[in-house]
Structures are given as C-alpha cells and as structure tokens.
Amino acid sequence: MNPLLVKAIVVQSILALFVVPALAHRRDGEAGAPRSHKGRTERIVLGLMALGIQPPLVWVASPWLGFADQASRPELFFAGLVTVVAGLWLLYETHAALGTNWSITLEVHEEHALVTHGVYARLRHPMYLALLLYALGLALMVPNWVAGPSYLVAVVLLVCLRLGPEERMMREEFGAAYEAYVERTKRLLPGIW
C-alpha cells in the first residue's frame, strides 16, 4: 500500500476521534454543578489516554519510530479501517444518547439522568466498546509495533481501571434503578459480558 495514503487515513481517523463526539452532542443547556469522583487513578488514566494517541501521530510525522516499522499488509489495513469506522459509529451513537450526561471524567451532574435508550438499551458501557474497537482498528492500520498498539494499550487500561469505579458511582447515584438496568443489560459485549 502507498505509505502516504496509509498515513493520511491514520491522521483522518485520529481527527475523527475528536470530531465525532463534538458532532453528536446536542447540548441544550448546562448540566449543573458536578459531583466529581475524580481521583489520582482517574488523572493517570486520562494522562495515559492522551499519551497513547501520540505515537501514531509521531509515526506519521517523523522517522523516530521507523525502527519498529513492519511491512504494510493491505488486508490488516482494511480490517483496521472497518473496525475504526465501526468504533467511530458506536462512539457517535453513545455521545448522541448521553447528551449533557457525558463527561470526560467520572462525575455526576445535578440534572444527571440514567440513560437507558439508544445503544444503552442493551449495553451499559458502549462507549468503552467503541473506544476498544477504534483502538484495535488503529493498531491494525498502523504498521508499526510501537505506534500501532499504543492507543489500544491505553484504552485497555482505561477500561480495566475505570469500569468498576464507574459502576459503583452509578449504583450510588441511581440505586435500585441502576440495579434493574444491570439486570437487563450486558456490561460491555452484547450477549457475552
């Protein structure tokens, strides 16, 4: 495959990671003052996410990670592209469903509501699934064993470190309504987990 085309698509995919949520948000007003559940672990996880997306950009813009380059395989690239698009679609759907309930950190706002419609009707954490799909796709698209999986490692750490605390926060906030929601939905993968 043409290396410049691969790099151009990788850059567009990374830009889309930031543009898609912005397109989905329909903020009708302020969500109220937040009650933050942000601690040291939360700051570390968010820092890792920011760091994890840097190596693919470095790979695109400079030869610094050239030592880890692999031969580009079109079948992996296209599988990755399809997976990235699926992740971006799911990311859009999660942001559209959440609206003003979304926050980059673990926090609950005064007017926070338990979202159980859209993609949340079957999954409690579709945004984490979206990020996992996106990161896996990026790892397949970038033919470099450092830059390719860097964001995937960060996202896996995010899911491992944040899923439990987020569910505890939701149980504290919504009590029996959240318990009923847990009973009828899967945590991360439809029909599996």
N, C-alpha and C. Protein backbone atom coordinates (compact mmCIF):
# COMPACT_ATOMS: atom_id res chain seq x y z
N MET A 1 0.84 -1.19 0.00
CA MET A 1 0.00 0.00 0.00
C MET A 1 0.88 1.25 0.00
N ASN A 2 0.33 2.30 -0.51
CA ASN A 2 1.04 3.57 -0.53
C ASN A 2 1.17 4.10 0.90
N PRO A 3 2.43 4.26 1.39
CA PRO A 3 2.63 4.72 2.78
C PRO A 3 2.01 6.08 3.07
N LEU A 4 2.03 6.99 2.09
CA LEU A 4 1.44 8.31 2.31
C LEU A 4 -0.07 8.22 2.46
N LEU A 5 -0.71 7.35 1.69
CA LEU A 5 -2.15 7.16 1.81
C LEU A 5 -2.50 6.57 3.18
N VAL A 6 -1.72 5.58 3.62
CA VAL A 6 -1.94 4.98 4.93
C VAL A 6 -1.83 6.06 6.01
N LYS A 7 -0.79 6.87 5.94
CA LYS A 7 -0.59 7.91 6.96
C LYS A 7 -1.71 8.96 6.91
N ALA A 8 -2.16 9.31 5.71
CA ALA A 8 -3.25 10.29 5.59
C ALA A 8 -4.53 9.75 6.22
N ILE A 9 -4.82 8.48 5.99
CA ILE A 9 -6.03 7.89 6.57
C ILE A 9 -5.91 7.76 8.08
N VAL A 10 -4.71 7.44 8.57
CA VAL A 10 -4.48 7.37 10.01
C VAL A 10 -4.73 8.74 10.66
N VAL A 11 -4.21 9.79 10.06
CA VAL A 11 -4.42 11.14 10.60
C VAL A 11 -5.91 11.49 10.60
N GLN A 12 -6.60 11.18 9.51
CA GLN A 12 -8.04 11.46 9.46
C GLN A 12 -8.80 10.67 10.52
N SER A 13 -8.37 9.45 10.76
CA SER A 13 -9.01 8.63 11.79
C SER A 13 -8.81 9.22 13.18
N ILE A 14 -7.62 9.72 13.43
CA ILE A 14 -7.34 10.33 14.74
C ILE A 14 -8.14 11.63 14.90
N LEU A 15 -8.20 12.42 13.85
CA LEU A 15 -9.03 13.64 13.91
C LEU A 15 -10.49 13.29 14.16
N ALA A 16 -10.97 12.24 13.52
CA ALA A 16 -12.36 11.83 13.68
C ALA A 16 -12.67 11.43 15.12
N LEU A 17 -11.67 10.90 15.83
CA LEU A 17 -11.87 10.53 17.23
C LEU A 17 -12.30 11.73 18.07
N PHE A 18 -11.86 12.91 17.67
CA PHE A 18 -12.20 14.12 18.42
C PHE A 18 -13.41 14.86 17.82
N VAL A 19 -13.60 14.74 16.52
CA VAL A 19 -14.68 15.44 15.84
C VAL A 19 -16.03 14.74 16.04
N VAL A 20 -16.04 13.41 15.96
CA VAL A 20 -17.29 12.66 16.05
C VAL A 20 -18.07 12.95 17.33
N PRO A 21 -17.44 12.93 18.52
CA PRO A 21 -18.22 13.27 19.73
C PRO A 21 -18.78 14.68 19.68
N ALA A 22 -18.02 15.62 19.14
CA ALA A 22 -18.49 17.00 19.05
C ALA A 22 -19.71 17.10 18.15
N LEU A 23 -19.73 16.32 17.08
CA LEU A 23 -20.88 16.33 16.17
C LEU A 23 -22.13 15.75 16.82
N ALA A 24 -21.93 14.80 17.71
CA ALA A 24 -23.07 14.11 18.31
C ALA A 24 -23.73 14.89 19.43
N HIS A 25 -22.99 15.77 20.07
CA HIS A 25 -23.54 16.45 21.25
C HIS A 25 -24.57 17.48 20.87
N ARG A 26 -25.68 17.39 21.57
CA ARG A 26 -26.77 18.36 21.42
C ARG A 26 -27.00 18.97 22.79
N ARG A 27 -26.18 19.90 23.14
CA ARG A 27 -26.27 20.48 24.48
C ARG A 27 -27.33 21.58 24.48
N ASP A 28 -28.39 21.31 25.20
CA ASP A 28 -29.48 22.28 25.28
C ASP A 28 -29.29 23.27 26.40
N GLY A 29 -28.32 23.03 27.24
CA GLY A 29 -28.09 23.91 28.38
C GLY A 29 -27.03 23.31 29.26
N GLU A 30 -26.84 23.89 30.39
CA GLU A 30 -25.85 23.41 31.33
C GLU A 30 -26.38 22.18 32.06
N ALA A 31 -25.46 21.30 32.43
CA ALA A 31 -25.84 20.07 33.12
C ALA A 31 -25.85 20.26 34.64
N GLY A 32 -25.50 21.41 35.13
CA GLY A 32 -25.48 21.66 36.57
C GLY A 32 -24.11 21.37 37.16
N ALA A 33 -23.96 21.71 38.40
CA ALA A 33 -22.66 21.53 39.07
C ALA A 33 -22.35 20.04 39.24
N PRO A 34 -21.11 19.64 38.90
CA PRO A 34 -20.77 18.22 39.00
C PRO A 34 -20.36 17.81 40.41
N ARG A 35 -20.61 16.53 40.72
CA ARG A 35 -20.05 15.88 41.89
C ARG A 35 -18.99 14.94 41.36
N SER A 36 -17.76 15.31 41.54
CA SER A 36 -16.66 14.59 40.91
C SER A 36 -16.26 13.37 41.71
N HIS A 37 -15.94 12.32 40.99
CA HIS A 37 -15.39 11.09 41.56
C HIS A 37 -13.96 10.91 41.04
N LYS A 38 -13.36 12.03 40.70
CA LYS A 38 -12.04 12.01 40.10
C LYS A 38 -10.98 11.92 41.18
N GLY A 39 -10.13 10.92 41.06
CA GLY A 39 -9.02 10.75 41.98
C GLY A 39 -7.72 10.61 41.21
N ARG A 40 -6.71 10.17 41.89
CA ARG A 40 -5.40 10.02 41.27
C ARG A 40 -5.44 9.03 40.11
N THR A 41 -6.14 7.91 40.30
CA THR A 41 -6.23 6.91 39.24
C THR A 41 -6.87 7.50 38.00
N GLU A 42 -7.91 8.31 38.20
CA GLU A 42 -8.60 8.93 37.07
C GLU A 42 -7.66 9.85 36.29
N ARG A 43 -6.88 10.64 37.00
CA ARG A 43 -5.93 11.53 36.32
C ARG A 43 -4.86 10.74 35.58
N ILE A 44 -4.41 9.64 36.15
CA ILE A 44 -3.40 8.79 35.49
C ILE A 44 -3.98 8.18 34.22
N VAL A 45 -5.20 7.67 34.31
CA VAL A 45 -5.84 7.04 33.15
C VAL A 45 -6.03 8.05 32.02
N LEU A 46 -6.50 9.24 32.34
CA LEU A 46 -6.69 10.26 31.31
C LEU A 46 -5.35 10.68 30.70
N GLY A 47 -4.30 10.74 31.53
CA GLY A 47 -2.97 11.03 31.02
C GLY A 47 -2.47 9.94 30.08
N LEU A 48 -2.72 8.70 30.44
CA LEU A 48 -2.32 7.59 29.57
C LEU A 48 -3.06 7.62 28.24
N MET A 49 -4.34 8.00 28.28
CA MET A 49 -5.10 8.12 27.03
C MET A 49 -4.49 9.19 26.12
N ALA A 50 -4.14 10.32 26.73
CA ALA A 50 -3.52 11.39 25.94
C ALA A 50 -2.16 10.97 25.40
N LEU A 51 -1.40 10.26 26.20
CA LEU A 51 -0.09 9.77 25.73
C LEU A 51 -0.23 8.67 24.69
N GLY A 52 -1.22 7.81 24.84
CA GLY A 52 -1.38 6.67 23.95
C GLY A 52 -1.67 7.03 22.52
N ILE A 53 -2.30 8.18 22.29
CA ILE A 53 -2.62 8.60 20.92
C ILE A 53 -1.43 9.30 20.26
N GLN A 54 -0.40 9.65 21.03
CA GLN A 54 0.75 10.37 20.48
C GLN A 54 1.63 9.53 19.54
N PRO A 55 1.98 8.28 19.88
CA PRO A 55 2.87 7.53 18.99
C PRO A 55 2.38 7.38 17.54
N PRO A 56 1.08 7.14 17.29
CA PRO A 56 0.66 7.12 15.88
C PRO A 56 0.91 8.46 15.17
N LEU A 57 0.72 9.56 15.89
CA LEU A 57 0.98 10.87 15.29
C LEU A 57 2.48 11.07 15.04
N VAL A 58 3.30 10.63 15.99
CA VAL A 58 4.76 10.70 15.80
C VAL A 58 5.17 9.85 14.61
N TRP A 59 4.57 8.65 14.50
CA TRP A 59 4.87 7.75 13.37
C TRP A 59 4.53 8.41 12.04
N VAL A 60 3.43 9.13 11.99
CA VAL A 60 3.02 9.81 10.76
C VAL A 60 3.97 10.96 10.43
N ALA A 61 4.36 11.73 11.43
CA ALA A 61 5.06 13.00 11.20
C ALA A 61 6.57 12.91 11.18
N SER A 62 7.14 11.80 11.65
CA SER A 62 8.60 11.77 11.74
C SER A 62 9.13 10.34 11.57
N PRO A 63 10.42 10.21 11.37
CA PRO A 63 11.02 8.87 11.24
C PRO A 63 11.43 8.26 12.58
N TRP A 64 11.12 8.90 13.70
CA TRP A 64 11.61 8.46 15.00
C TRP A 64 11.23 7.03 15.36
N LEU A 65 10.08 6.60 14.94
CA LEU A 65 9.64 5.24 15.27
C LEU A 65 9.86 4.26 14.11
N GLY A 66 10.67 4.67 13.15
CA GLY A 66 10.93 3.84 11.97
C GLY A 66 11.56 2.49 12.32
N PHE A 67 12.28 2.41 13.42
CA PHE A 67 12.91 1.15 13.83
C PHE A 67 11.87 0.05 14.09
N ALA A 68 10.63 0.44 14.34
CA ALA A 68 9.58 -0.53 14.67
C ALA A 68 8.62 -0.77 13.51
N ASP A 69 8.94 -0.22 12.34
CA ASP A 69 8.06 -0.40 11.18
C ASP A 69 8.01 -1.84 10.73
N GLN A 70 6.85 -2.21 10.21
CA GLN A 70 6.65 -3.53 9.61
C GLN A 70 6.13 -3.31 8.20
N ALA A 71 6.17 -4.37 7.42
CA ALA A 71 5.61 -4.28 6.07
C ALA A 71 4.11 -4.06 6.19
N SER A 72 3.60 -3.11 5.43
CA SER A 72 2.17 -2.83 5.44
C SER A 72 1.43 -3.97 4.74
N ARG A 73 0.40 -4.48 5.39
CA ARG A 73 -0.40 -5.55 4.81
C ARG A 73 -1.80 -5.02 4.53
N PRO A 74 -2.18 -4.95 3.26
CA PRO A 74 -3.48 -4.37 2.91
C PRO A 74 -4.66 -5.00 3.63
N GLU A 75 -4.64 -6.32 3.83
CA GLU A 75 -5.78 -6.97 4.49
C GLU A 75 -5.90 -6.51 5.95
N LEU A 76 -4.77 -6.29 6.63
CA LEU A 76 -4.82 -5.78 8.01
C LEU A 76 -5.27 -4.33 8.02
N PHE A 77 -4.76 -3.56 7.06
CA PHE A 77 -5.15 -2.15 6.99
C PHE A 77 -6.66 -2.02 6.80
N PHE A 78 -7.22 -2.76 5.85
CA PHE A 78 -8.65 -2.63 5.57
C PHE A 78 -9.51 -3.18 6.71
N ALA A 79 -9.06 -4.26 7.34
CA ALA A 79 -9.77 -4.77 8.52
C ALA A 79 -9.74 -3.71 9.63
N GLY A 80 -8.59 -3.06 9.78
CA GLY A 80 -8.47 -1.99 10.77
C GLY A 80 -9.36 -0.81 10.44
N LEU A 81 -9.42 -0.44 9.18
CA LEU A 81 -10.25 0.69 8.76
C LEU A 81 -11.73 0.41 9.05
N VAL A 82 -12.18 -0.80 8.74
CA VAL A 82 -13.57 -1.16 9.02
C VAL A 82 -13.83 -1.12 10.52
N THR A 83 -12.88 -1.59 11.32
CA THR A 83 -13.04 -1.61 12.77
C THR A 83 -13.03 -0.19 13.34
N VAL A 84 -12.19 0.68 12.79
CA VAL A 84 -12.17 2.08 13.21
C VAL A 84 -13.51 2.75 12.90
N VAL A 85 -14.02 2.51 11.72
CA VAL A 85 -15.31 3.11 11.34
C VAL A 85 -16.42 2.60 12.25
N ALA A 86 -16.42 1.31 12.56
CA ALA A 86 -17.42 0.76 13.49
C ALA A 86 -17.29 1.41 14.86
N GLY A 87 -16.06 1.57 15.33
CA GLY A 87 -15.84 2.23 16.62
C GLY A 87 -16.31 3.67 16.62
N LEU A 88 -16.04 4.39 15.54
CA LEU A 88 -16.47 5.79 15.44
C LEU A 88 -17.99 5.90 15.38
N TRP A 89 -18.63 4.99 14.65
CA TRP A 89 -20.10 4.99 14.60
C TRP A 89 -20.66 4.78 16.00
N LEU A 90 -20.14 3.78 16.71
CA LEU A 90 -20.63 3.50 18.06
C LEU A 90 -20.33 4.67 19.00
N LEU A 91 -19.18 5.30 18.83
CA LEU A 91 -18.84 6.47 19.65
C LEU A 91 -19.85 7.60 19.41
N TYR A 92 -20.20 7.82 18.15
CA TYR A 92 -21.21 8.83 17.83
C TYR A 92 -22.54 8.51 18.52
N GLU A 93 -22.97 7.25 18.40
CA GLU A 93 -24.24 6.84 19.00
C GLU A 93 -24.24 7.00 20.51
N THR A 94 -23.13 6.70 21.16
CA THR A 94 -23.08 6.85 22.62
C THR A 94 -23.16 8.31 23.02
N HIS A 95 -22.43 9.16 22.32
CA HIS A 95 -22.48 10.59 22.65
C HIS A 95 -23.85 11.19 22.35
N ALA A 96 -24.47 10.74 21.26
CA ALA A 96 -25.81 11.24 20.93
C ALA A 96 -26.82 10.83 22.01
N ALA A 97 -26.70 9.61 22.52
CA ALA A 97 -27.62 9.15 23.55
C ALA A 97 -27.37 9.84 24.89
N LEU A 98 -26.11 10.08 25.22
CA LEU A 98 -25.78 10.68 26.51
C LEU A 98 -26.11 12.17 26.59
N GLY A 99 -25.90 12.90 25.52
CA GLY A 99 -26.15 14.33 25.54
C GLY A 99 -25.39 15.03 26.66
N THR A 100 -26.07 15.77 27.50
CA THR A 100 -25.40 16.52 28.58
C THR A 100 -24.97 15.63 29.73
N ASN A 101 -25.30 14.35 29.70
CA ASN A 101 -24.86 13.43 30.75
C ASN A 101 -23.41 13.00 30.57
N TRP A 102 -22.82 13.28 29.43
CA TRP A 102 -21.45 12.85 29.18
C TRP A 102 -20.44 13.76 29.87
N SER A 103 -19.39 13.15 30.36
CA SER A 103 -18.27 13.88 30.92
C SER A 103 -17.01 13.07 30.65
N ILE A 104 -15.90 13.75 30.45
CA ILE A 104 -14.65 13.05 30.20
C ILE A 104 -14.13 12.36 31.46
N THR A 105 -14.56 12.85 32.62
CA THR A 105 -14.13 12.25 33.89
C THR A 105 -15.34 11.63 34.59
N LEU A 106 -15.07 10.89 35.64
CA LEU A 106 -16.16 10.30 36.42
C LEU A 106 -16.78 11.37 37.30
N GLU A 107 -17.95 11.83 36.88
CA GLU A 107 -18.67 12.82 37.67
C GLU A 107 -20.15 12.74 37.34
N VAL A 108 -20.94 13.17 38.28
CA VAL A 108 -22.39 13.20 38.13
C VAL A 108 -22.83 14.64 38.31
N HIS A 109 -23.70 15.11 37.41
CA HIS A 109 -24.21 16.48 37.48
C HIS A 109 -25.54 16.52 38.22
N GLU A 110 -25.95 17.70 38.62
CA GLU A 110 -27.21 17.88 39.34
C GLU A 110 -28.40 17.30 38.59
N GLU A 111 -28.43 17.49 37.29
CA GLU A 111 -29.56 17.02 36.48
C GLU A 111 -29.22 15.75 35.71
N HIS A 112 -28.27 14.99 36.22
CA HIS A 112 -27.83 13.76 35.56
C HIS A 112 -28.98 12.75 35.54
N ALA A 113 -29.15 12.08 34.41
CA ALA A 113 -30.19 11.06 34.28
C ALA A 113 -29.55 9.73 33.90
N LEU A 114 -30.17 8.66 34.29
CA LEU A 114 -29.72 7.33 33.89
C LEU A 114 -30.17 7.11 32.46
N VAL A 115 -29.22 6.97 31.56
CA VAL A 115 -29.52 6.81 30.13
C VAL A 115 -29.68 5.32 29.84
N THR A 116 -30.86 4.95 29.35
CA THR A 116 -31.14 3.55 29.05
C THR A 116 -31.74 3.38 27.65
N HIS A 117 -31.61 4.39 26.82
CA HIS A 117 -32.14 4.32 25.46
C HIS A 117 -31.00 4.28 24.45
N GLY A 118 -31.34 4.11 23.19
CA GLY A 118 -30.32 4.04 22.14
C GLY A 118 -29.41 2.84 22.37
N VAL A 119 -28.11 3.05 22.17
CA VAL A 119 -27.16 1.94 22.34
C VAL A 119 -27.06 1.51 23.80
N TYR A 120 -27.56 2.33 24.71
CA TYR A 120 -27.54 1.99 26.13
C TYR A 120 -28.68 1.05 26.51
N ALA A 121 -29.58 0.76 25.60
CA ALA A 121 -30.69 -0.15 25.90
C ALA A 121 -30.20 -1.58 26.11
N ARG A 122 -29.07 -1.94 25.49
CA ARG A 122 -28.55 -3.30 25.61
C ARG A 122 -27.21 -3.37 26.32
N LEU A 123 -26.45 -2.29 26.29
CA LEU A 123 -25.11 -2.27 26.87
C LEU A 123 -24.98 -1.14 27.88
N ARG A 124 -24.33 -1.42 28.99
CA ARG A 124 -24.12 -0.37 29.99
C ARG A 124 -22.93 0.51 29.65
N HIS A 125 -21.98 -0.01 28.91
CA HIS A 125 -20.75 0.74 28.62
C HIS A 125 -20.38 0.70 27.14
N PRO A 126 -21.29 1.12 26.26
CA PRO A 126 -20.96 1.06 24.83
C PRO A 126 -19.83 2.01 24.43
N MET A 127 -19.60 3.07 25.20
CA MET A 127 -18.51 3.97 24.85
C MET A 127 -17.16 3.27 25.01
N TYR A 128 -17.03 2.46 26.03
CA TYR A 128 -15.77 1.72 26.20
C TYR A 128 -15.60 0.72 25.05
N LEU A 129 -16.69 0.08 24.64
CA LEU A 129 -16.62 -0.83 23.50
C LEU A 129 -16.23 -0.05 22.24
N ALA A 130 -16.79 1.13 22.06
CA ALA A 130 -16.45 1.97 20.90
C ALA A 130 -14.96 2.30 20.89
N LEU A 131 -14.44 2.69 22.05
CA LEU A 131 -13.02 3.03 22.13
C LEU A 131 -12.13 1.81 21.90
N LEU A 132 -12.56 0.65 22.40
CA LEU A 132 -11.79 -0.58 22.16
C LEU A 132 -11.78 -0.94 20.67
N LEU A 133 -12.93 -0.85 20.02
CA LEU A 133 -12.99 -1.12 18.58
C LEU A 133 -12.10 -0.14 17.81
N TYR A 134 -12.24 1.13 18.13
CA TYR A 134 -11.43 2.15 17.46
C TYR A 134 -9.94 1.87 17.63
N ALA A 135 -9.52 1.61 18.86
CA ALA A 135 -8.11 1.40 19.16
C ALA A 135 -7.58 0.12 18.51
N LEU A 136 -8.38 -0.93 18.48
CA LEU A 136 -7.98 -2.15 17.79
C LEU A 136 -7.81 -1.89 16.30
N GLY A 137 -8.75 -1.16 15.73
CA GLY A 137 -8.65 -0.80 14.32
C GLY A 137 -7.41 0.01 14.02
N LEU A 138 -7.10 0.97 14.87
CA LEU A 138 -5.90 1.80 14.68
C LEU A 138 -4.65 0.93 14.77
N ALA A 139 -4.64 -0.02 15.70
CA ALA A 139 -3.50 -0.93 15.83
C ALA A 139 -3.29 -1.75 14.56
N LEU A 140 -4.39 -2.14 13.92
CA LEU A 140 -4.28 -2.90 12.68
C LEU A 140 -3.87 -2.02 11.49
N MET A 141 -4.25 -0.77 11.51
CA MET A 141 -3.94 0.14 10.40
C MET A 141 -2.50 0.61 10.39
N VAL A 142 -1.92 0.81 11.56
CA VAL A 142 -0.57 1.39 11.66
C VAL A 142 0.45 0.25 11.67
N PRO A 143 1.25 0.11 10.61
CA PRO A 143 2.21 -1.00 10.53
C PRO A 143 3.50 -0.70 11.31
N ASN A 144 3.33 -0.53 12.60
CA ASN A 144 4.47 -0.22 13.46
C ASN A 144 4.16 -0.82 14.82
N TRP A 145 5.04 -1.67 15.34
CA TRP A 145 4.73 -2.40 16.57
C TRP A 145 4.81 -1.54 17.83
N VAL A 146 5.23 -0.28 17.73
CA VAL A 146 5.16 0.65 18.87
C VAL A 146 3.95 1.57 18.70
N ALA A 147 3.87 2.24 17.57
CA ALA A 147 2.80 3.22 17.34
C ALA A 147 1.44 2.55 17.15
N GLY A 148 1.41 1.39 16.52
CA GLY A 148 0.13 0.72 16.26
C GLY A 148 -0.65 0.42 17.52
N PRO A 149 -0.09 -0.33 18.45
CA PRO A 149 -0.88 -0.73 19.63
C PRO A 149 -0.86 0.26 20.80
N SER A 150 -0.19 1.39 20.67
CA SER A 150 -0.06 2.29 21.82
C SER A 150 -1.40 2.77 22.36
N TYR A 151 -2.31 3.16 21.49
CA TYR A 151 -3.61 3.64 21.95
C TYR A 151 -4.46 2.49 22.49
N LEU A 152 -4.32 1.31 21.89
CA LEU A 152 -5.05 0.14 22.38
C LEU A 152 -4.64 -0.19 23.81
N VAL A 153 -3.35 -0.12 24.11
CA VAL A 153 -2.88 -0.37 25.47
C VAL A 153 -3.51 0.64 26.43
N ALA A 154 -3.54 1.90 26.03
CA ALA A 154 -4.13 2.95 26.88
C ALA A 154 -5.62 2.72 27.10
N VAL A 155 -6.34 2.32 26.07
CA VAL A 155 -7.78 2.10 26.19
C VAL A 155 -8.07 0.87 27.06
N VAL A 156 -7.28 -0.19 26.90
CA VAL A 156 -7.47 -1.37 27.74
C VAL A 156 -7.26 -1.00 29.21
N LEU A 157 -6.23 -0.20 29.49
CA LEU A 157 -6.01 0.26 30.86
C LEU A 157 -7.18 1.11 31.35
N LEU A 158 -7.69 1.98 30.50
CA LEU A 158 -8.85 2.80 30.86
C LEU A 158 -10.02 1.91 31.27
N VAL A 159 -10.33 0.93 30.44
CA VAL A 159 -11.47 0.06 30.73
C VAL A 159 -11.24 -0.72 32.02
N CYS A 160 -10.04 -1.27 32.18
CA CYS A 160 -9.75 -2.06 33.38
C CYS A 160 -9.80 -1.23 34.66
N LEU A 161 -9.32 -0.01 34.60
CA LEU A 161 -9.24 0.82 35.79
C LEU A 161 -10.50 1.63 36.07
N ARG A 162 -11.34 1.84 35.06
CA ARG A 162 -12.47 2.74 35.25
C ARG A 162 -13.82 2.05 35.32
N LEU A 163 -13.95 0.87 34.76
CA LEU A 163 -15.25 0.21 34.69
C LEU A 163 -15.86 -0.02 36.07
N GLY A 164 -15.09 -0.57 36.98
CA GLY A 164 -15.60 -0.82 38.34
C GLY A 164 -15.99 0.45 39.07
N PRO A 165 -15.09 1.44 39.14
CA PRO A 165 -15.46 2.70 39.81
C PRO A 165 -16.67 3.39 39.18
N GLU A 166 -16.80 3.31 37.86
CA GLU A 166 -17.95 3.95 37.22
C GLU A 166 -19.25 3.24 37.62
N GLU A 167 -19.22 1.92 37.66
CA GLU A 167 -20.43 1.20 38.07
C GLU A 167 -20.77 1.48 39.53
N ARG A 168 -19.76 1.60 40.40
CA ARG A 168 -20.03 1.95 41.81
C ARG A 168 -20.67 3.33 41.90
N MET A 169 -20.14 4.28 41.12
CA MET A 169 -20.69 5.63 41.11
C MET A 169 -22.15 5.62 40.66
N MET A 170 -22.45 4.84 39.62
CA MET A 170 -23.83 4.78 39.12
C MET A 170 -24.76 4.11 40.14
N ARG A 171 -24.28 3.10 40.84
CA ARG A 171 -25.09 2.45 41.88
C ARG A 171 -25.39 3.43 43.01
N GLU A 172 -24.39 4.21 43.41
CA GLU A 172 -24.58 5.20 44.47
C GLU A 172 -25.59 6.27 44.04
N GLU A 173 -25.50 6.68 42.80
CA GLU A 173 -26.34 7.77 42.32
C GLU A 173 -27.78 7.32 42.03
N PHE A 174 -27.93 6.15 41.40
CA PHE A 174 -29.25 5.76 40.90
C PHE A 174 -29.86 4.55 41.61
N GLY A 175 -29.13 3.93 42.50
CA GLY A 175 -29.66 2.86 43.36
C GLY A 175 -30.40 1.75 42.63
N ALA A 176 -31.67 1.57 43.03
CA ALA A 176 -32.48 0.46 42.51
C ALA A 176 -32.70 0.57 41.00
N ALA A 177 -32.81 1.78 40.48
CA ALA A 177 -32.99 1.95 39.03
C ALA A 177 -31.78 1.41 38.28
N TYR A 178 -30.59 1.66 38.82
CA TYR A 178 -29.38 1.14 38.17
C TYR A 178 -29.30 -0.38 38.31
N GLU A 179 -29.68 -0.90 39.45
CA GLU A 179 -29.68 -2.36 39.65
C GLU A 179 -30.61 -3.04 38.64
N ALA A 180 -31.78 -2.46 38.42
CA ALA A 180 -32.71 -3.01 37.44
C ALA A 180 -32.11 -2.94 36.04
N TYR A 181 -31.43 -1.86 35.75
CA TYR A 181 -30.76 -1.68 34.46
C TYR A 181 -29.67 -2.74 34.28
N VAL A 182 -28.91 -3.00 35.32
CA VAL A 182 -27.85 -4.02 35.28
C VAL A 182 -28.44 -5.39 34.96
N GLU A 183 -29.60 -5.68 35.53
CA GLU A 183 -30.24 -6.98 35.33
C GLU A 183 -30.64 -7.23 33.88
N ARG A 184 -30.97 -6.18 33.15
CA ARG A 184 -31.47 -6.38 31.78
C ARG A 184 -30.45 -6.05 30.69
N THR A 185 -29.22 -5.67 31.06
CA THR A 185 -28.21 -5.31 30.07
C THR A 185 -26.92 -6.07 30.28
N LYS A 186 -26.09 -6.05 29.27
CA LYS A 186 -24.75 -6.61 29.34
C LYS A 186 -23.79 -5.46 29.68
N ARG A 187 -22.68 -5.81 30.26
CA ARG A 187 -21.73 -4.79 30.68
C ARG A 187 -21.00 -4.16 29.50
N LEU A 188 -20.44 -5.00 28.62
CA LEU A 188 -19.58 -4.48 27.56
C LEU A 188 -19.85 -5.09 26.19
N LEU A 189 -20.11 -6.38 26.13
CA LEU A 189 -20.32 -7.05 24.85
C LEU A 189 -21.72 -7.65 24.79
N PRO A 190 -22.48 -7.33 23.75
CA PRO A 190 -23.85 -7.84 23.65
C PRO A 190 -23.85 -9.37 23.63
N GLY A 191 -24.64 -9.96 24.49
CA GLY A 191 -24.78 -11.41 24.52
C GLY A 191 -23.64 -12.16 25.17
N ILE A 192 -22.58 -11.45 25.59
CA ILE A 192 -21.42 -12.13 26.16
C ILE A 192 -21.10 -11.65 27.56
N TRP A 193 -20.83 -10.34 27.72
CA TRP A 193 -20.34 -9.86 29.00
C TRP A 193 -21.00 -8.55 29.37
